[in-house]
Amino acid sequence: MKYQPDYGKGSRVGFVDLIQNTLVGFIILFIIAFMMIKPVDDKPEIVKKAELMITVTWNMQGNDDVDSWLEPPGEKSIYFKNKITTVAHLDRDDLGHSTDTIRLGSGEEKIIYINQEITTIRGIYPGEWTFNVHMFAKRDKEPCNVVVTFDKLNPYQRIKTKEVVLKKKGQEETVFRFTMDENGNIVNINEIPKKLVDQQVINTYDNNSGTGGY
């Protein structure tokens, strides 16, 4: 019998080769793409920029409302109504017991006794700074002992610690004034009194609350 070539078989072999080559190409492209993917860092770097920190702490179980007032050079003061600027940031405005109370899952309320405000200075801003504390609402009978710490963060250094006694509503005390030089160094620390509290703002909150406290 005369041999008849199977042209269909050759076509099938060629088609299979094409499929295999295409598949190999896809695999190679997948491997290249996978290698180019940037792995996710398990511990991403989170930078919180702050150069200086001022912490105000008072009677932990007291209900007085003490406010922090920081005046940067040539800028408006940072306080509870103006918490965030490019210069500094009031991280926590503590109102006494009203910000210490948490509600548990059972519905029960629990007081976490901590009275503390923190103000951070975000960068180097040369000039004179003033930091005051103000008794916004005096709810406790006994005097309020306020401890203010002033820390440099990079590298860490305790610059100053000062205790102030506030006895009545509206009392304002200058804790310290200082000068920051062009290199971020703190110089010329003094306690010369300077008023910062905007009494019109305080009166507005008093009139709105009707309780003499914010």
N, C-alpha and C. Protein backbone atom coordinates (compact mmCIF):
# COMPACT_ATOMS: atom_id res chain seq x y z
N MET A 1 0.86 -1.19 0.00
CA MET A 1 0.00 0.00 0.00
C MET A 1 0.89 1.23 0.00
N LYS A 2 0.53 2.18 -0.82
CA LYS A 2 1.29 3.41 -0.90
C LYS A 2 1.04 4.25 0.34
N TYR A 3 2.15 4.80 0.98
CA TYR A 3 2.04 5.60 2.20
C TYR A 3 1.45 6.97 1.89
N GLN A 4 0.45 7.38 2.70
CA GLN A 4 -0.18 8.69 2.57
C GLN A 4 0.17 9.53 3.79
N PRO A 5 0.89 10.62 3.62
CA PRO A 5 1.25 11.47 4.77
C PRO A 5 0.01 12.07 5.44
N ASP A 6 0.09 12.16 6.82
CA ASP A 6 -1.03 12.72 7.61
C ASP A 6 -0.75 14.20 7.87
N TYR A 7 -1.23 15.04 6.96
CA TYR A 7 -0.99 16.48 7.13
C TYR A 7 -1.73 17.05 8.34
N GLY A 8 -2.81 16.46 8.75
CA GLY A 8 -3.55 16.94 9.93
C GLY A 8 -2.75 16.75 11.20
N LYS A 9 -1.99 15.66 11.26
CA LYS A 9 -1.20 15.40 12.46
C LYS A 9 -0.13 16.46 12.64
N GLY A 10 0.50 16.90 11.56
CA GLY A 10 1.51 17.95 11.63
C GLY A 10 0.91 19.25 12.13
N SER A 11 -0.29 19.55 11.69
CA SER A 11 -0.96 20.78 12.14
C SER A 11 -1.23 20.74 13.63
N ARG A 12 -1.63 19.55 14.10
CA ARG A 12 -1.92 19.42 15.53
C ARG A 12 -0.65 19.59 16.36
N VAL A 13 0.46 19.04 15.91
CA VAL A 13 1.74 19.17 16.63
C VAL A 13 2.16 20.64 16.68
N GLY A 14 2.01 21.35 15.57
CA GLY A 14 2.37 22.77 15.54
C GLY A 14 1.52 23.59 16.48
N PHE A 15 0.22 23.27 16.56
CA PHE A 15 -0.68 24.01 17.45
C PHE A 15 -0.32 23.79 18.90
N VAL A 16 0.02 22.51 19.22
CA VAL A 16 0.42 22.20 20.60
C VAL A 16 1.70 22.94 20.95
N ASP A 17 2.66 23.01 20.02
CA ASP A 17 3.91 23.74 20.28
C ASP A 17 3.64 25.21 20.53
N LEU A 18 2.70 25.78 19.75
CA LEU A 18 2.35 27.20 19.92
C LEU A 18 1.78 27.46 21.30
N ILE A 19 0.87 26.55 21.73
CA ILE A 19 0.25 26.70 23.05
C ILE A 19 1.31 26.61 24.15
N GLN A 20 2.23 25.64 24.00
CA GLN A 20 3.27 25.46 25.02
C GLN A 20 4.18 26.68 25.10
N ASN A 21 4.58 27.20 23.93
CA ASN A 21 5.44 28.38 23.91
C ASN A 21 4.75 29.60 24.52
N THR A 22 3.46 29.75 24.22
CA THR A 22 2.70 30.88 24.80
C THR A 22 2.62 30.76 26.31
N LEU A 23 2.37 29.53 26.79
CA LEU A 23 2.28 29.31 28.23
C LEU A 23 3.60 29.61 28.91
N VAL A 24 4.71 29.16 28.29
CA VAL A 24 6.04 29.44 28.85
C VAL A 24 6.28 30.95 28.90
N GLY A 25 5.85 31.67 27.84
CA GLY A 25 6.01 33.13 27.82
C GLY A 25 5.26 33.80 28.95
N PHE A 26 4.00 33.34 29.20
CA PHE A 26 3.21 33.91 30.30
C PHE A 26 3.87 33.65 31.65
N ILE A 27 4.41 32.44 31.80
CA ILE A 27 5.07 32.11 33.08
C ILE A 27 6.28 33.01 33.32
N ILE A 28 7.07 33.22 32.26
CA ILE A 28 8.25 34.08 32.39
C ILE A 28 7.84 35.51 32.74
N LEU A 29 6.79 36.02 32.05
CA LEU A 29 6.32 37.38 32.35
C LEU A 29 5.81 37.48 33.79
N PHE A 30 5.13 36.44 34.27
CA PHE A 30 4.62 36.43 35.63
C PHE A 30 5.76 36.47 36.65
N ILE A 31 6.81 35.68 36.37
CA ILE A 31 7.96 35.65 37.28
C ILE A 31 8.64 37.02 37.33
N ILE A 32 8.80 37.65 36.17
CA ILE A 32 9.43 38.97 36.12
C ILE A 32 8.60 40.00 36.88
N ALA A 33 7.28 39.96 36.66
CA ALA A 33 6.39 40.91 37.34
C ALA A 33 6.43 40.70 38.85
N PHE A 34 6.46 39.44 39.29
CA PHE A 34 6.49 39.12 40.71
C PHE A 34 7.78 39.63 41.35
N MET A 35 8.89 39.51 40.61
CA MET A 35 10.18 39.96 41.14
C MET A 35 10.23 41.48 41.27
N MET A 36 9.44 42.18 40.45
CA MET A 36 9.44 43.63 40.47
C MET A 36 8.53 44.20 41.55
N ILE A 37 7.67 43.36 42.14
CA ILE A 37 6.79 43.84 43.20
C ILE A 37 7.60 44.14 44.44
N LYS A 38 7.43 45.37 45.01
CA LYS A 38 8.17 45.75 46.22
C LYS A 38 7.52 45.09 47.42
N PRO A 39 8.28 44.31 48.18
CA PRO A 39 7.69 43.65 49.35
C PRO A 39 7.23 44.66 50.39
N VAL A 40 6.14 44.32 51.07
CA VAL A 40 5.60 45.18 52.11
C VAL A 40 6.43 45.03 53.37
N ASP A 41 6.87 46.15 53.91
CA ASP A 41 7.67 46.13 55.13
C ASP A 41 6.79 45.75 56.31
N ASP A 42 7.21 44.73 57.06
CA ASP A 42 6.42 44.30 58.21
C ASP A 42 6.36 45.37 59.29
N LYS A 43 7.37 46.24 59.33
CA LYS A 43 7.42 47.29 60.34
C LYS A 43 7.64 48.63 59.64
N PRO A 44 6.58 49.18 59.05
CA PRO A 44 6.74 50.44 58.33
C PRO A 44 7.19 51.55 59.27
N GLU A 45 8.01 52.43 58.73
CA GLU A 45 8.54 53.53 59.55
C GLU A 45 7.48 54.61 59.68
N ILE A 46 7.12 54.93 60.90
CA ILE A 46 6.16 55.98 61.19
C ILE A 46 6.89 57.10 61.89
N VAL A 47 6.96 58.25 61.26
CA VAL A 47 7.72 59.36 61.82
C VAL A 47 6.74 60.38 62.41
N LYS A 48 6.88 60.62 63.67
CA LYS A 48 6.10 61.67 64.32
C LYS A 48 7.07 62.78 64.67
N LYS A 49 7.01 63.87 63.92
CA LYS A 49 7.97 64.94 64.05
C LYS A 49 7.66 65.79 65.27
N ALA A 50 8.59 65.85 66.19
CA ALA A 50 8.48 66.73 67.35
C ALA A 50 9.87 66.95 67.90
N GLU A 51 10.16 68.19 68.24
CA GLU A 51 11.47 68.53 68.78
C GLU A 51 11.42 68.76 70.29
N LEU A 52 10.33 69.35 70.76
CA LEU A 52 10.20 69.70 72.18
C LEU A 52 8.81 69.30 72.66
N MET A 53 8.71 68.96 73.93
CA MET A 53 7.43 68.55 74.51
C MET A 53 7.25 69.18 75.88
N ILE A 54 6.08 69.77 76.10
CA ILE A 54 5.74 70.36 77.39
C ILE A 54 4.56 69.58 77.96
N THR A 55 4.74 68.99 79.14
CA THR A 55 3.71 68.16 79.76
C THR A 55 3.23 68.83 81.04
N VAL A 56 1.92 68.97 81.15
CA VAL A 56 1.29 69.57 82.33
C VAL A 56 0.48 68.50 83.03
N THR A 57 0.79 68.26 84.30
CA THR A 57 0.09 67.23 85.09
C THR A 57 -0.38 67.86 86.39
N TRP A 58 -1.62 67.54 86.79
CA TRP A 58 -2.11 68.05 88.07
C TRP A 58 -2.89 66.97 88.80
N ASN A 59 -3.39 67.32 90.01
CA ASN A 59 -4.03 66.36 90.92
C ASN A 59 -4.78 65.26 90.16
N MET A 60 -4.23 64.05 90.21
CA MET A 60 -4.74 62.97 89.39
C MET A 60 -6.22 62.67 89.64
N GLN A 61 -6.67 62.75 90.89
CA GLN A 61 -8.06 62.46 91.20
C GLN A 61 -8.89 63.73 91.35
N GLY A 62 -8.32 64.86 90.96
CA GLY A 62 -9.05 66.12 91.05
C GLY A 62 -9.94 66.34 89.84
N ASN A 63 -10.82 67.34 89.96
CA ASN A 63 -11.75 67.64 88.88
C ASN A 63 -11.55 69.05 88.33
N ASP A 64 -10.44 69.68 88.68
CA ASP A 64 -10.16 71.00 88.15
C ASP A 64 -9.80 70.91 86.66
N ASP A 65 -10.09 71.99 85.95
CA ASP A 65 -9.75 72.07 84.53
C ASP A 65 -8.62 73.08 84.35
N VAL A 66 -7.42 72.58 84.12
CA VAL A 66 -6.25 73.42 83.90
C VAL A 66 -5.93 73.43 82.41
N ASP A 67 -5.65 74.62 81.88
CA ASP A 67 -5.36 74.75 80.46
C ASP A 67 -3.92 75.18 80.22
N SER A 68 -3.36 74.70 79.09
CA SER A 68 -2.02 75.06 78.65
C SER A 68 -2.13 76.16 77.58
N TRP A 69 -1.28 77.15 77.69
CA TRP A 69 -1.20 78.23 76.70
C TRP A 69 0.25 78.41 76.28
N LEU A 70 0.53 78.23 75.00
CA LEU A 70 1.89 78.39 74.47
C LEU A 70 1.88 79.45 73.38
N GLU A 71 2.71 80.48 73.56
CA GLU A 71 2.82 81.53 72.56
C GLU A 71 4.14 81.40 71.80
N PRO A 72 4.09 81.03 70.51
CA PRO A 72 5.31 80.96 69.69
C PRO A 72 5.73 82.37 69.26
N PRO A 73 6.93 82.51 68.76
CA PRO A 73 7.36 83.83 68.30
C PRO A 73 6.58 84.27 67.05
N GLY A 74 5.91 85.41 67.18
CA GLY A 74 5.20 85.98 66.04
C GLY A 74 3.95 85.24 65.62
N GLU A 75 3.43 84.32 66.46
CA GLU A 75 2.25 83.53 66.10
C GLU A 75 1.19 83.64 67.20
N LYS A 76 -0.03 83.23 66.85
CA LYS A 76 -1.09 83.18 67.86
C LYS A 76 -0.84 82.04 68.84
N SER A 77 -1.36 82.19 70.04
CA SER A 77 -1.15 81.17 71.07
C SER A 77 -1.82 79.85 70.69
N ILE A 78 -1.21 78.75 71.14
CA ILE A 78 -1.79 77.42 71.00
C ILE A 78 -2.47 77.09 72.32
N TYR A 79 -3.77 76.76 72.26
CA TYR A 79 -4.55 76.42 73.46
C TYR A 79 -5.75 75.61 72.99
N PHE A 80 -6.73 75.39 73.87
CA PHE A 80 -7.81 74.45 73.55
C PHE A 80 -8.64 74.85 72.34
N LYS A 81 -8.70 76.13 72.01
CA LYS A 81 -9.50 76.57 70.85
C LYS A 81 -8.66 76.69 69.58
N ASN A 82 -7.34 76.66 69.74
CA ASN A 82 -6.42 76.74 68.59
C ASN A 82 -5.34 75.68 68.80
N LYS A 83 -5.72 74.41 68.63
CA LYS A 83 -4.86 73.30 69.02
C LYS A 83 -3.72 73.01 68.05
N ILE A 84 -3.94 73.24 66.76
CA ILE A 84 -2.98 72.77 65.76
C ILE A 84 -2.52 73.94 64.89
N THR A 85 -1.21 74.14 64.82
CA THR A 85 -0.60 75.10 63.90
C THR A 85 0.61 74.43 63.27
N THR A 86 1.23 75.11 62.33
CA THR A 86 2.45 74.56 61.73
C THR A 86 3.60 74.58 62.73
N VAL A 87 3.47 75.37 63.79
CA VAL A 87 4.54 75.55 64.76
C VAL A 87 4.46 74.53 65.88
N ALA A 88 3.27 74.34 66.44
CA ALA A 88 3.11 73.48 67.62
C ALA A 88 1.73 72.85 67.60
N HIS A 89 1.52 71.94 68.57
CA HIS A 89 0.29 71.14 68.59
C HIS A 89 -0.07 70.79 70.02
N LEU A 90 -1.30 71.10 70.43
CA LEU A 90 -1.81 70.65 71.72
C LEU A 90 -2.37 69.25 71.50
N ASP A 91 -1.64 68.22 71.97
CA ASP A 91 -2.03 66.83 71.71
C ASP A 91 -3.20 66.38 72.57
N ARG A 92 -3.34 66.97 73.75
CA ARG A 92 -4.42 66.54 74.64
C ARG A 92 -4.94 67.73 75.43
N ASP A 93 -6.25 67.91 75.39
CA ASP A 93 -6.91 68.94 76.20
C ASP A 93 -7.72 68.23 77.27
N ASP A 94 -7.23 68.24 78.49
CA ASP A 94 -7.87 67.51 79.59
C ASP A 94 -8.81 68.44 80.34
N LEU A 95 -10.06 68.01 80.52
CA LEU A 95 -11.07 68.84 81.16
C LEU A 95 -11.38 68.42 82.58
N GLY A 96 -10.58 67.52 83.16
CA GLY A 96 -10.91 67.00 84.48
C GLY A 96 -11.63 65.66 84.33
N HIS A 97 -12.58 65.38 85.21
CA HIS A 97 -13.25 64.09 85.20
C HIS A 97 -14.03 63.81 83.92
N SER A 98 -14.48 64.87 83.23
CA SER A 98 -15.32 64.64 82.05
C SER A 98 -14.55 63.96 80.93
N THR A 99 -13.22 64.07 80.91
CA THR A 99 -12.43 63.37 79.90
C THR A 99 -11.71 62.16 80.48
N ASP A 100 -11.98 61.85 81.74
CA ASP A 100 -11.37 60.68 82.38
C ASP A 100 -12.33 59.51 82.47
N THR A 101 -13.59 59.73 82.12
CA THR A 101 -14.62 58.72 82.28
C THR A 101 -14.79 57.90 81.00
N ILE A 102 -14.76 56.56 81.13
CA ILE A 102 -15.00 55.68 80.00
C ILE A 102 -16.20 54.79 80.30
N ARG A 103 -16.87 54.33 79.25
CA ARG A 103 -18.03 53.45 79.42
C ARG A 103 -17.64 52.03 79.03
N LEU A 104 -17.79 51.09 79.95
CA LEU A 104 -17.46 49.70 79.70
C LEU A 104 -18.55 49.02 78.88
N GLY A 105 -18.26 47.82 78.39
CA GLY A 105 -19.23 47.09 77.59
C GLY A 105 -20.51 46.79 78.34
N SER A 106 -20.41 46.69 79.65
CA SER A 106 -21.60 46.40 80.47
C SER A 106 -22.46 47.64 80.67
N GLY A 107 -21.96 48.79 80.20
CA GLY A 107 -22.69 50.03 80.42
C GLY A 107 -22.23 50.80 81.64
N GLU A 108 -21.40 50.15 82.45
CA GLU A 108 -20.88 50.81 83.65
C GLU A 108 -19.84 51.85 83.27
N GLU A 109 -19.83 52.98 83.98
CA GLU A 109 -18.86 54.03 83.76
C GLU A 109 -17.71 53.89 84.75
N LYS A 110 -16.50 54.10 84.25
CA LYS A 110 -15.31 53.98 85.09
C LYS A 110 -14.41 55.18 84.85
N ILE A 111 -13.84 55.72 85.92
CA ILE A 111 -12.95 56.88 85.81
C ILE A 111 -11.50 56.41 85.80
N ILE A 112 -10.77 56.80 84.78
CA ILE A 112 -9.33 56.57 84.70
C ILE A 112 -8.66 57.86 85.17
N TYR A 113 -8.11 57.82 86.36
CA TYR A 113 -7.62 59.05 86.98
C TYR A 113 -6.31 59.50 86.35
N ILE A 114 -6.41 60.46 85.44
CA ILE A 114 -5.23 61.12 84.90
C ILE A 114 -5.63 62.51 84.41
N ASN A 115 -4.95 63.52 84.91
CA ASN A 115 -5.17 64.89 84.48
C ASN A 115 -3.86 65.38 83.86
N GLN A 116 -3.85 65.48 82.55
CA GLN A 116 -2.60 65.79 81.87
C GLN A 116 -2.86 66.40 80.50
N GLU A 117 -2.09 67.43 80.18
CA GLU A 117 -2.11 68.01 78.85
C GLU A 117 -0.69 68.00 78.28
N ILE A 118 -0.58 67.76 76.97
CA ILE A 118 0.72 67.68 76.32
C ILE A 118 0.74 68.61 75.11
N THR A 119 1.76 69.45 75.05
CA THR A 119 1.96 70.33 73.91
C THR A 119 3.31 70.01 73.27
N THR A 120 3.33 69.81 71.96
CA THR A 120 4.58 69.51 71.26
C THR A 120 4.94 70.64 70.31
N ILE A 121 6.23 70.93 70.26
CA ILE A 121 6.78 71.90 69.31
C ILE A 121 7.41 71.11 68.18
N ARG A 122 7.01 71.37 66.93
CA ARG A 122 7.30 70.47 65.82
C ARG A 122 8.62 70.72 65.11
N GLY A 123 9.20 71.88 65.31
CA GLY A 123 10.43 72.16 64.59
C GLY A 123 11.20 73.29 65.23
N ILE A 124 12.18 73.80 64.50
CA ILE A 124 13.02 74.89 65.00
C ILE A 124 12.44 76.22 64.52
N TYR A 125 11.97 77.03 65.46
CA TYR A 125 11.40 78.33 65.17
C TYR A 125 12.06 79.34 66.11
N PRO A 126 13.12 79.99 65.64
CA PRO A 126 13.87 80.89 66.50
C PRO A 126 13.03 82.06 67.01
N GLY A 127 13.33 82.49 68.23
CA GLY A 127 12.63 83.61 68.83
C GLY A 127 12.21 83.28 70.25
N GLU A 128 11.44 84.20 70.84
CA GLU A 128 11.00 84.01 72.23
C GLU A 128 9.66 83.29 72.30
N TRP A 129 9.59 82.32 73.20
CA TRP A 129 8.39 81.55 73.46
C TRP A 129 7.94 81.79 74.90
N THR A 130 6.63 81.70 75.13
CA THR A 130 6.09 81.83 76.50
C THR A 130 5.10 80.70 76.74
N PHE A 131 5.20 80.09 77.93
CA PHE A 131 4.26 79.03 78.28
C PHE A 131 3.59 79.36 79.61
N ASN A 132 2.25 79.39 79.60
CA ASN A 132 1.46 79.68 80.80
C ASN A 132 0.50 78.55 81.10
N VAL A 133 0.09 78.46 82.36
CA VAL A 133 -1.03 77.59 82.75
C VAL A 133 -2.15 78.48 83.28
N HIS A 134 -3.37 78.02 83.05
CA HIS A 134 -4.55 78.82 83.41
C HIS A 134 -5.61 77.92 84.04
N MET A 135 -6.15 78.36 85.18
CA MET A 135 -7.23 77.60 85.83
C MET A 135 -8.55 78.01 85.19
N PHE A 136 -9.00 77.17 84.25
CA PHE A 136 -10.25 77.48 83.55
C PHE A 136 -11.45 77.26 84.45
N ALA A 137 -11.48 76.14 85.16
CA ALA A 137 -12.60 75.84 86.05
C ALA A 137 -12.07 75.25 87.34
N LYS A 138 -12.36 75.92 88.47
CA LYS A 138 -11.91 75.45 89.79
C LYS A 138 -13.09 74.75 90.45
N ARG A 139 -13.04 73.43 90.47
CA ARG A 139 -14.15 72.63 91.00
C ARG A 139 -13.82 72.01 92.36
N ASP A 140 -12.54 71.85 92.65
CA ASP A 140 -12.11 71.24 93.92
C ASP A 140 -11.82 72.34 94.94
N LYS A 141 -12.04 72.03 96.22
CA LYS A 141 -11.83 73.03 97.27
C LYS A 141 -10.35 73.28 97.54
N GLU A 142 -9.55 72.22 97.49
CA GLU A 142 -8.13 72.37 97.82
C GLU A 142 -7.37 72.99 96.66
N PRO A 143 -6.22 73.63 96.93
CA PRO A 143 -5.38 74.18 95.86
C PRO A 143 -4.94 73.09 94.89
N CYS A 144 -4.69 73.50 93.67
CA CYS A 144 -4.30 72.55 92.61
C CYS A 144 -2.80 72.65 92.36
N ASN A 145 -2.09 71.56 92.60
CA ASN A 145 -0.65 71.51 92.36
C ASN A 145 -0.39 71.06 90.92
N VAL A 146 0.19 71.94 90.13
CA VAL A 146 0.43 71.69 88.72
C VAL A 146 1.93 71.51 88.49
N VAL A 147 2.32 70.39 87.88
CA VAL A 147 3.73 70.12 87.59
C VAL A 147 3.92 70.20 86.07
N VAL A 148 4.87 71.04 85.65
CA VAL A 148 5.14 71.23 84.23
C VAL A 148 6.56 70.75 83.94
N THR A 149 6.69 69.86 82.97
CA THR A 149 8.02 69.40 82.53
C THR A 149 8.25 69.84 81.09
N PHE A 150 9.47 70.22 80.82
CA PHE A 150 9.86 70.73 79.50
C PHE A 150 11.02 69.88 79.01
N ASP A 151 10.80 69.12 77.92
CA ASP A 151 11.78 68.15 77.44
C ASP A 151 12.18 68.40 75.99
N LYS A 152 13.47 68.23 75.71
CA LYS A 152 13.97 68.18 74.35
C LYS A 152 14.01 66.72 73.94
N LEU A 153 13.58 66.40 72.72
CA LEU A 153 13.40 65.00 72.33
C LEU A 153 14.52 64.44 71.47
N ASN A 154 15.23 65.27 70.72
CA ASN A 154 16.21 64.76 69.74
C ASN A 154 17.56 65.44 69.88
N PRO A 155 18.47 64.92 70.73
CA PRO A 155 18.32 63.78 71.64
C PRO A 155 17.59 64.22 72.90
N TYR A 156 17.19 63.22 73.70
CA TYR A 156 16.37 63.54 74.87
C TYR A 156 17.17 64.30 75.92
N GLN A 157 16.52 65.34 76.47
CA GLN A 157 17.13 66.12 77.56
C GLN A 157 16.01 66.80 78.35
N ARG A 158 16.01 66.66 79.65
CA ARG A 158 15.06 67.37 80.50
C ARG A 158 15.58 68.80 80.68
N ILE A 159 14.85 69.76 80.16
CA ILE A 159 15.28 71.15 80.21
C ILE A 159 14.86 71.83 81.51
N LYS A 160 13.62 71.57 81.93
CA LYS A 160 13.14 72.26 83.13
C LYS A 160 11.92 71.54 83.70
N THR A 161 11.81 71.58 85.02
CA THR A 161 10.62 71.12 85.73
C THR A 161 10.19 72.23 86.68
N LYS A 162 8.90 72.56 86.67
CA LYS A 162 8.42 73.65 87.51
C LYS A 162 7.07 73.26 88.11
N GLU A 163 6.88 73.55 89.40
CA GLU A 163 5.59 73.31 90.05
C GLU A 163 4.91 74.64 90.33
N VAL A 164 3.63 74.71 89.97
CA VAL A 164 2.84 75.92 90.15
C VAL A 164 1.59 75.56 90.94
N VAL A 165 1.18 76.42 91.86
CA VAL A 165 -0.03 76.20 92.64
C VAL A 165 -1.11 77.16 92.16
N LEU A 166 -2.24 76.59 91.69
CA LEU A 166 -3.38 77.38 91.25
C LEU A 166 -4.49 77.25 92.28
N LYS A 167 -4.98 78.37 92.77
CA LYS A 167 -5.92 78.35 93.89
C LYS A 167 -7.33 78.79 93.51
N LYS A 168 -7.48 79.47 92.39
CA LYS A 168 -8.81 80.01 92.08
C LYS A 168 -9.04 80.03 90.57
N LYS A 169 -10.30 80.08 90.22
CA LYS A 169 -10.71 80.15 88.81
C LYS A 169 -10.16 81.42 88.18
N GLY A 170 -9.63 81.27 86.98
CA GLY A 170 -9.12 82.41 86.25
C GLY A 170 -7.66 82.74 86.52
N GLN A 171 -7.05 82.05 87.49
CA GLN A 171 -5.65 82.33 87.80
C GLN A 171 -4.75 81.89 86.66
N GLU A 172 -3.86 82.77 86.24
CA GLU A 172 -2.93 82.49 85.15
C GLU A 172 -1.51 82.73 85.63
N GLU A 173 -0.63 81.77 85.38
CA GLU A 173 0.77 81.88 85.81
C GLU A 173 1.70 81.59 84.64
N THR A 174 2.72 82.42 84.49
CA THR A 174 3.77 82.16 83.51
C THR A 174 4.73 81.13 84.10
N VAL A 175 4.79 79.96 83.47
CA VAL A 175 5.67 78.88 83.96
C VAL A 175 7.10 79.16 83.55
N PHE A 176 7.29 79.51 82.28
CA PHE A 176 8.61 79.90 81.81
C PHE A 176 8.51 80.61 80.46
N ARG A 177 9.50 81.43 80.20
CA ARG A 177 9.73 82.01 78.88
C ARG A 177 11.13 81.60 78.46
N PHE A 178 11.31 81.36 77.17
CA PHE A 178 12.62 80.94 76.70
C PHE A 178 12.84 81.43 75.27
N THR A 179 14.10 81.41 74.87
CA THR A 179 14.46 81.79 73.51
C THR A 179 15.04 80.57 72.81
N MET A 180 14.58 80.32 71.58
CA MET A 180 15.13 79.26 70.74
C MET A 180 16.03 79.90 69.69
N ASP A 181 17.29 79.43 69.61
CA ASP A 181 18.19 80.02 68.63
C ASP A 181 18.08 79.31 67.28
N GLU A 182 18.92 79.71 66.32
CA GLU A 182 18.83 79.18 64.96
C GLU A 182 19.12 77.69 64.87
N ASN A 183 19.83 77.16 65.87
CA ASN A 183 20.18 75.74 65.89
C ASN A 183 19.22 74.90 66.74
N GLY A 184 18.18 75.54 67.26
CA GLY A 184 17.21 74.81 68.09
C GLY A 184 17.59 74.73 69.55
N ASN A 185 18.66 75.39 69.95
CA ASN A 185 19.06 75.39 71.35
C ASN A 185 18.14 76.31 72.17
N ILE A 186 17.88 75.90 73.41
CA ILE A 186 17.02 76.67 74.30
C ILE A 186 17.90 77.49 75.23
N VAL A 187 17.73 78.80 75.17
CA VAL A 187 18.56 79.71 75.97
C VAL A 187 17.66 80.75 76.64
N ASN A 188 18.24 81.47 77.59
CA ASN A 188 17.56 82.60 78.25
C ASN A 188 16.22 82.20 78.86
N ILE A 189 16.21 81.12 79.62
CA ILE A 189 14.98 80.71 80.30
C ILE A 189 14.75 81.62 81.50
N ASN A 190 13.53 82.14 81.61
CA ASN A 190 13.17 82.99 82.74
C ASN A 190 11.70 82.82 83.07
N GLU A 191 11.25 83.47 84.13
CA GLU A 191 9.85 83.35 84.56
C GLU A 191 9.19 84.72 84.66
N ILE A 192 9.62 85.63 83.81
CA ILE A 192 9.01 86.98 83.80
C ILE A 192 7.55 86.85 83.36
N PRO A 193 6.60 87.34 84.19
CA PRO A 193 5.18 87.16 83.87
C PRO A 193 4.77 87.82 82.55
N LYS A 194 3.90 87.12 81.82
CA LYS A 194 3.33 87.66 80.59
C LYS A 194 1.95 87.05 80.40
N LYS A 195 0.94 87.87 80.22
CA LYS A 195 -0.42 87.39 80.04
C LYS A 195 -0.63 86.87 78.62
N LEU A 196 -1.23 85.69 78.53
CA LEU A 196 -1.55 85.09 77.23
C LEU A 196 -3.04 84.83 77.05
N VAL A 197 -3.75 84.59 78.12
CA VAL A 197 -5.14 84.15 78.05
C VAL A 197 -6.03 85.24 77.46
N ASP A 198 -6.79 84.85 76.46
CA ASP A 198 -7.77 85.74 75.84
C ASP A 198 -9.05 85.67 76.67
N GLN A 199 -9.26 86.67 77.50
CA GLN A 199 -10.39 86.62 78.42
C GLN A 199 -11.73 86.63 77.69
N GLN A 200 -11.78 87.22 76.52
CA GLN A 200 -13.02 87.23 75.75
C GLN A 200 -13.42 85.81 75.34
N VAL A 201 -12.42 85.00 74.95
CA VAL A 201 -12.68 83.60 74.61
C VAL A 201 -13.20 82.84 75.83
N ILE A 202 -12.57 83.05 76.98
CA ILE A 202 -12.98 82.37 78.21
C ILE A 202 -14.41 82.75 78.58
N ASN A 203 -14.74 84.03 78.49
CA ASN A 203 -16.09 84.48 78.83
C ASN A 203 -17.13 83.87 77.91
N THR A 204 -16.77 83.71 76.63
CA THR A 204 -17.70 83.10 75.67
C THR A 204 -18.04 81.67 76.07
N TYR A 205 -17.02 80.90 76.46
CA TYR A 205 -17.26 79.52 76.87
C TYR A 205 -18.03 79.47 78.18
N ASP A 206 -17.73 80.36 79.10
CA ASP A 206 -18.48 80.41 80.37
C ASP A 206 -19.95 80.68 80.12
N ASN A 207 -20.24 81.63 79.25
CA ASN A 207 -21.64 82.00 78.98
C ASN A 207 -22.38 80.88 78.29
N ASN A 208 -21.69 80.14 77.41
CA ASN A 208 -22.33 79.05 76.67
C ASN A 208 -22.59 77.84 77.56
N SER A 209 -21.66 77.55 78.48
CA SER A 209 -21.79 76.36 79.31
C SER A 209 -22.67 76.60 80.51
N GLY A 210 -22.61 77.84 81.05
CA GLY A 210 -23.40 78.14 82.23
C GLY A 210 -22.89 77.49 83.49
N THR A 211 -21.72 76.86 83.41
CA THR A 211 -21.19 76.14 84.57
C THR A 211 -19.83 76.67 85.00
N GLY A 212 -19.29 77.60 84.21
CA GLY A 212 -17.97 78.11 84.56
C GLY A 212 -16.84 77.16 84.19
N GLY A 213 -17.10 76.23 83.31
CA GLY A 213 -16.05 75.28 82.90
C GLY A 213 -16.28 74.82 81.50
N TYR A 214 -15.21 74.49 80.83
CA TYR A 214 -15.30 74.00 79.45
C TYR A 214 -15.10 72.51 79.44
